[in-house]
């Protein structure tokens, strides 16, 4: 097995790996059960309340 074989294997299966990983992350982000969690996280910068550790800004 030489460098060209290893490089071709890594390129091919690396692409498959990252495409699968991207699909899983996209599925997680768009899953209906996670919408409430993402909506709450989106409102955090707009919250003017005190910080969780009790300190004021």
PDB file of N, CA and C in Angstrom:
ATOM      1  N   UNK A   1       0.851  -1.169   0.000  1.00  0.00           N
ATOM      2  CA  UNK A   1       0.000   0.000   0.000  1.00  0.00           C
ATOM      3  C   UNK A   1       0.900   1.236   0.000  1.00  0.00           C
ATOM      4  N   UNK A   2       0.765   2.059  -0.995  1.00  0.00           N
ATOM      5  CA  UNK A   2       1.605   3.243  -1.089  1.00  0.00           C
ATOM      6  C   UNK A   2       0.804   4.501  -0.727  1.00  0.00           C
ATOM      7  N   UNK A   3       1.453   5.659  -0.829  1.00  0.00           N
ATOM      8  CA  UNK A   3       0.835   6.921  -0.432  1.00  0.00           C
ATOM      9  C   UNK A   3      -0.419   7.225  -1.252  1.00  0.00           C
ATOM     10  N   UNK A   4      -0.380   6.973  -2.538  1.00  0.00           N
ATOM     11  CA  UNK A   4      -1.522   7.277  -3.398  1.00  0.00           C
ATOM     12  C   UNK A   4      -2.759   6.471  -2.996  1.00  0.00           C
ATOM     13  N   UNK A   5      -2.541   5.206  -2.635  1.00  0.00           N
ATOM     14  CA  UNK A   5      -3.662   4.364  -2.193  1.00  0.00           C
ATOM     15  C   UNK A   5      -4.267   4.880  -0.893  1.00  0.00           C
ATOM     16  N   UNK A   6      -3.413   5.248   0.035  1.00  0.00           N
ATOM     17  CA  UNK A   6      -3.879   5.756   1.322  1.00  0.00           C
ATOM     18  C   UNK A   6      -4.611   7.085   1.130  1.00  0.00           C
ATOM     19  N   UNK A   7      -4.062   7.953   0.280  1.00  0.00           N
ATOM     20  CA  UNK A   7      -4.683   9.256   0.035  1.00  0.00           C
ATOM     21  C   UNK A   7      -6.053   9.086  -0.622  1.00  0.00           C
ATOM     22  N   UNK A   8      -6.161   8.196  -1.587  1.00  0.00           N
ATOM     23  CA  UNK A   8      -7.441   7.967  -2.248  1.00  0.00           C
ATOM     24  C   UNK A   8      -8.463   7.389  -1.269  1.00  0.00           C
ATOM     25  N   UNK A   9      -8.041   6.449  -0.430  1.00  0.00           N
ATOM     26  CA  UNK A   9      -8.928   5.880   0.579  1.00  0.00           C
ATOM     27  C   UNK A   9      -9.409   6.956   1.549  1.00  0.00           C
ATOM     28  N   UNK A  10      -8.489   7.795   2.028  1.00  0.00           N
ATOM     29  CA  UNK A  10      -8.849   8.838   2.985  1.00  0.00           C
ATOM     30  C   UNK A  10      -9.780   9.867   2.355  1.00  0.00           C
ATOM     31  N   UNK A  11      -9.556  10.218   1.110  1.00  0.00           N
ATOM     32  CA  UNK A  11     -10.416  11.195   0.449  1.00  0.00           C
ATOM     33  C   UNK A  11     -11.813  10.632   0.236  1.00  0.00           C
ATOM     34  N   UNK A  12     -11.905   9.416  -0.207  1.00  0.00           N
ATOM     35  CA  UNK A  12     -13.199   8.807  -0.484  1.00  0.00           C
ATOM     36  C   UNK A  12     -13.997   8.609   0.793  1.00  0.00           C
ATOM     37  N   UNK A  13     -13.436   7.921   1.761  1.00  0.00           N
ATOM     38  CA  UNK A  13     -14.169   7.618   2.980  1.00  0.00           C
ATOM     39  C   UNK A  13     -14.276   8.825   3.897  1.00  0.00           C
ATOM     40  N   UNK A  14     -13.346   9.761   3.790  1.00  0.00           N
ATOM     41  CA  UNK A  14     -13.473  11.010   4.535  1.00  0.00           C
ATOM     42  C   UNK A  14     -14.674  11.798   4.055  1.00  0.00           C
ATOM     43  N   UNK A  15     -14.888  11.842   2.747  1.00  0.00           N
ATOM     44  CA  UNK A  15     -16.050  12.519   2.190  1.00  0.00           C
ATOM     45  C   UNK A  15     -17.336  11.852   2.668  1.00  0.00           C
ATOM     46  N   UNK A  16     -17.374  10.537   2.653  1.00  0.00           N
ATOM     47  CA  UNK A  16     -18.562   9.809   3.115  1.00  0.00           C
ATOM     48  C   UNK A  16     -18.798  10.099   4.596  1.00  0.00           C
ATOM     49  N   UNK A  17     -17.734  10.082   5.384  1.00  0.00           N
ATOM     50  CA  UNK A  17     -17.838  10.339   6.823  1.00  0.00           C
ATOM     51  C   UNK A  17     -18.401  11.739   7.087  1.00  0.00           C
ATOM     52  N   UNK A  18     -17.848  12.758   6.438  1.00  0.00           N
ATOM     53  CA  UNK A  18     -18.304  14.116   6.688  1.00  0.00           C
ATOM     54  C   UNK A  18     -19.697  14.371   6.126  1.00  0.00           C
ATOM     55  N   UNK A  19     -20.065  13.731   5.044  1.00  0.00           N
ATOM     56  CA  UNK A  19     -21.426  13.863   4.520  1.00  0.00           C
ATOM     57  C   UNK A  19     -22.423  13.243   5.495  1.00  0.00           C
ATOM     58  N   UNK A  20     -22.085  12.098   6.056  1.00  0.00           N
ATOM     59  CA  UNK A  20     -22.946  11.451   7.045  1.00  0.00           C
ATOM     60  C   UNK A  20     -23.039  12.291   8.315  1.00  0.00           C
ATOM     61  N   UNK A  21     -21.919  12.826   8.761  1.00  0.00           N
ATOM     62  CA  UNK A  21     -21.909  13.680   9.941  1.00  0.00           C
ATOM     63  C   UNK A  21     -22.759  14.930   9.716  1.00  0.00           C
ATOM     64  N   UNK A  22     -22.643  15.560   8.544  1.00  0.00           N
ATOM     65  CA  UNK A  22     -23.443  16.726   8.212  1.00  0.00           C
ATOM     66  C   UNK A  22     -24.925  16.385   8.218  1.00  0.00           C
ATOM     67  N   UNK A  23     -25.291  15.249   7.648  1.00  0.00           N
ATOM     68  CA  UNK A  23     -26.688  14.836   7.610  1.00  0.00           C
ATOM     69  C   UNK A  23     -27.233  14.617   9.024  1.00  0.00           C
ATOM     70  N   UNK A  24     -26.442  14.038   9.912  1.00  0.00           N
ATOM     71  CA  UNK A  24     -26.886  13.812  11.288  1.00  0.00           C
ATOM     72  C   UNK A  24     -27.064  15.122  12.048  1.00  0.00           C
ATOM     73  N   UNK A  25     -26.147  16.054  11.869  1.00  0.00           N
ATOM     74  CA  UNK A  25     -26.269  17.356  12.529  1.00  0.00           C
ATOM     75  C   UNK A  25     -27.479  18.106  11.998  1.00  0.00           C
ATOM     76  N   UNK A  26     -27.695  18.062  10.699  1.00  0.00           N
ATOM     77  CA  UNK A  26     -28.855  18.716  10.106  1.00  0.00           C
ATOM     78  C   UNK A  26     -30.150  18.081  10.619  1.00  0.00           C
ATOM     79  N   UNK A  27     -30.187  16.773  10.712  1.00  0.00           N
ATOM     80  CA  UNK A  27     -31.365  16.077  11.233  1.00  0.00           C
ATOM     81  C   UNK A  27     -31.637  16.482  12.670  1.00  0.00           C
ATOM     82  N   UNK A  28     -30.588  16.572  13.478  1.00  0.00           N
ATOM     83  CA  UNK A  28     -30.741  16.993  14.872  1.00  0.00           C
ATOM     84  C   UNK A  28     -31.280  18.424  14.953  1.00  0.00           C
ATOM     85  N   UNK A  29     -30.744  19.313  14.142  1.00  0.00           N
ATOM     86  CA  UNK A  29     -31.151  20.717  14.190  1.00  0.00           C
ATOM     87  C   UNK A  29     -32.585  20.913  13.722  1.00  0.00           C
ATOM     88  N   UNK A  30     -33.049  20.106  12.801  1.00  0.00           N
ATOM     89  CA  UNK A  30     -34.386  20.277  12.248  1.00  0.00           C
ATOM     90  C   UNK A  30     -35.432  19.361  12.875  1.00  0.00           C
ATOM     91  N   UNK A  31     -35.032  18.534  13.830  1.00  0.00           N
ATOM     92  CA  UNK A  31     -35.959  17.614  14.475  1.00  0.00           C
ATOM     93  C   UNK A  31     -37.006  18.420  15.248  1.00  0.00           C
ATOM     94  N   UNK A  32     -38.289  18.128  15.054  1.00  0.00           N
ATOM     95  CA  UNK A  32     -39.344  18.935  15.687  1.00  0.00           C
ATOM     96  C   UNK A  32     -39.264  18.982  17.219  1.00  0.00           C
ATOM     97  N   UNK A  33     -38.793  17.955  17.844  1.00  0.00           N
ATOM     98  CA  UNK A  33     -38.702  17.929  19.298  1.00  0.00           C
ATOM     99  C   UNK A  33     -37.687  18.900  19.868  1.00  0.00           C
ATOM    100  N   UNK A  34     -36.756  19.375  19.070  1.00  0.00           N
ATOM    101  CA  UNK A  34     -35.728  20.293  19.543  1.00  0.00           C
ATOM    102  C   UNK A  34     -36.098  21.759  19.332  1.00  0.00           C
ATOM    103  N   UNK A  35     -37.237  22.028  18.745  1.00  0.00           N
ATOM    104  CA  UNK A  35     -37.596  23.405  18.402  1.00  0.00           C
ATOM    105  C   UNK A  35     -37.719  24.285  19.644  1.00  0.00           C
ATOM    106  N   UNK A  36     -38.344  23.800  20.695  1.00  0.00           N
ATOM    107  CA  UNK A  36     -38.519  24.602  21.907  1.00  0.00           C
ATOM    108  C   UNK A  36     -37.165  24.986  22.501  1.00  0.00           C
ATOM    109  N   UNK A  37     -36.228  24.043  22.547  1.00  0.00           N
ATOM    110  CA  UNK A  37     -34.902  24.305  23.098  1.00  0.00           C
ATOM    111  C   UNK A  37     -34.174  25.371  22.284  1.00  0.00           C
ATOM    112  N   UNK A  38     -34.266  25.293  20.959  1.00  0.00           N
ATOM    113  CA  UNK A  38     -33.603  26.273  20.112  1.00  0.00           C
ATOM    114  C   UNK A  38     -34.292  27.632  20.189  1.00  0.00           C
ATOM    115  N   UNK A  39     -35.615  27.648  20.321  1.00  0.00           N
ATOM    116  CA  UNK A  39     -36.332  28.915  20.473  1.00  0.00           C
ATOM    117  C   UNK A  39     -35.948  29.610  21.783  1.00  0.00           C
ATOM    118  N   UNK A  40     -35.829  28.842  22.858  1.00  0.00           N
ATOM    119  CA  UNK A  40     -35.404  29.419  24.136  1.00  0.00           C
ATOM    120  C   UNK A  40     -33.973  29.945  24.053  1.00  0.00           C
ATOM    121  N   UNK A  41     -33.091  29.212  23.409  1.00  0.00           N
ATOM    122  CA  UNK A  41     -31.706  29.657  23.272  1.00  0.00           C
ATOM    123  C   UNK A  41     -31.610  30.909  22.409  1.00  0.00           C
ATOM    124  N   UNK A  42     -32.479  31.051  21.435  1.00  0.00           N
ATOM    125  CA  UNK A  42     -32.463  32.227  20.567  1.00  0.00           C
ATOM    126  C   UNK A  42     -32.879  33.482  21.322  1.00  0.00           C
ATOM    127  N   UNK A  43     -33.636  33.334  22.405  1.00  0.00           N
ATOM    128  CA  UNK A  43     -34.104  34.488  23.169  1.00  0.00           C
ATOM    129  C   UNK A  43     -33.124  34.925  24.258  1.00  0.00           C
ATOM    130  N   UNK A  44     -32.097  34.155  24.535  1.00  0.00           N
ATOM    131  CA  UNK A  44     -31.147  34.471  25.603  1.00  0.00           C
ATOM    132  C   UNK A  44     -30.490  35.842  25.413  1.00  0.00           C
ATOM    133  N   UNK A  45     -30.022  36.217  24.232  1.00  0.00           N
ATOM    134  CA  UNK A  45     -29.402  37.541  24.094  1.00  0.00           C
ATOM    135  C   UNK A  45     -30.375  38.699  24.332  1.00  0.00           C
ATOM    136  N   UNK A  46     -31.651  38.462  24.206  1.00  0.00           N
ATOM    137  CA  UNK A  46     -32.647  39.513  24.377  1.00  0.00           C
ATOM    138  C   UNK A  46     -33.131  39.638  25.820  1.00  0.00           C
ATOM    139  N   UNK A  47     -32.719  38.726  26.667  1.00  0.00           N
ATOM    140  CA  UNK A  47     -33.155  38.705  28.058  1.00  0.00           C
ATOM    141  C   UNK A  47     -32.372  39.756  28.840  1.00  0.00           C
ATOM    142  N   UNK A  48     -33.086  40.686  29.488  1.00  0.00           N
ATOM    143  CA  UNK A  48     -32.441  41.741  30.283  1.00  0.00           C
ATOM    144  C   UNK A  48     -32.364  41.407  31.767  1.00  0.00           C
ATOM    145  N   UNK A  49     -32.739  40.221  32.124  1.00  0.00           N
ATOM    146  CA  UNK A  49     -32.735  39.824  33.527  1.00  0.00           C
ATOM    147  C   UNK A  49     -31.322  39.652  34.050  1.00  0.00           C
ATOM    148  N   UNK A  50     -31.193  39.384  35.352  1.00  0.00           N
ATOM    149  CA  UNK A  50     -29.860  39.173  35.953  1.00  0.00           C
ATOM    150  C   UNK A  50     -29.219  37.902  35.412  1.00  0.00           C
ATOM    151  N   UNK A  51     -27.910  37.871  35.496  1.00  0.00           N
ATOM    152  CA  UNK A  51     -27.182  36.684  35.074  1.00  0.00           C
ATOM    153  C   UNK A  51     -27.469  35.534  36.034  1.00  0.00           C
ATOM    154  N   UNK A  52     -27.235  34.312  35.615  1.00  0.00           N
ATOM    155  CA  UNK A  52     -27.564  33.142  36.435  1.00  0.00           C
ATOM    156  C   UNK A  52     -26.735  33.068  37.716  1.00  0.00           C
ATOM    157  N   UNK A  53     -25.516  33.601  37.684  1.00  0.00           N
ATOM    158  CA  UNK A  53     -24.678  33.514  38.879  1.00  0.00           C
ATOM    159  C   UNK A  53     -24.977  34.632  39.880  1.00  0.00           C
ATOM    160  N   UNK A  54     -26.013  35.434  39.611  1.00  0.00           N
ATOM    161  CA  UNK A  54     -26.435  36.457  40.554  1.00  0.00           C
ATOM    162  C   UNK A  54     -25.783  37.811  40.359  1.00  0.00           C
ATOM    163  N   UNK A  55     -24.813  37.924  39.466  1.00  0.00           N
ATOM    164  CA  UNK A  55     -24.144  39.201  39.236  1.00  0.00           C
ATOM    165  C   UNK A  55     -24.957  40.054  38.275  1.00  0.00           C
ATOM    166  N   UNK A  56     -24.907  41.357  38.473  1.00  0.00           N
ATOM    167  CA  UNK A  56     -25.518  42.274  37.531  1.00  0.00           C
ATOM    168  C   UNK A  56     -24.508  42.627  36.456  1.00  0.00           C
ATOM    169  N   UNK A  57     -25.020  43.119  35.363  1.00  0.00           N
ATOM    170  CA  UNK A  57     -24.122  43.455  34.258  1.00  0.00           C
ATOM    171  C   UNK A  57     -23.426  44.717  34.493  1.00  0.00           C
TER     172      UNK A  57
END
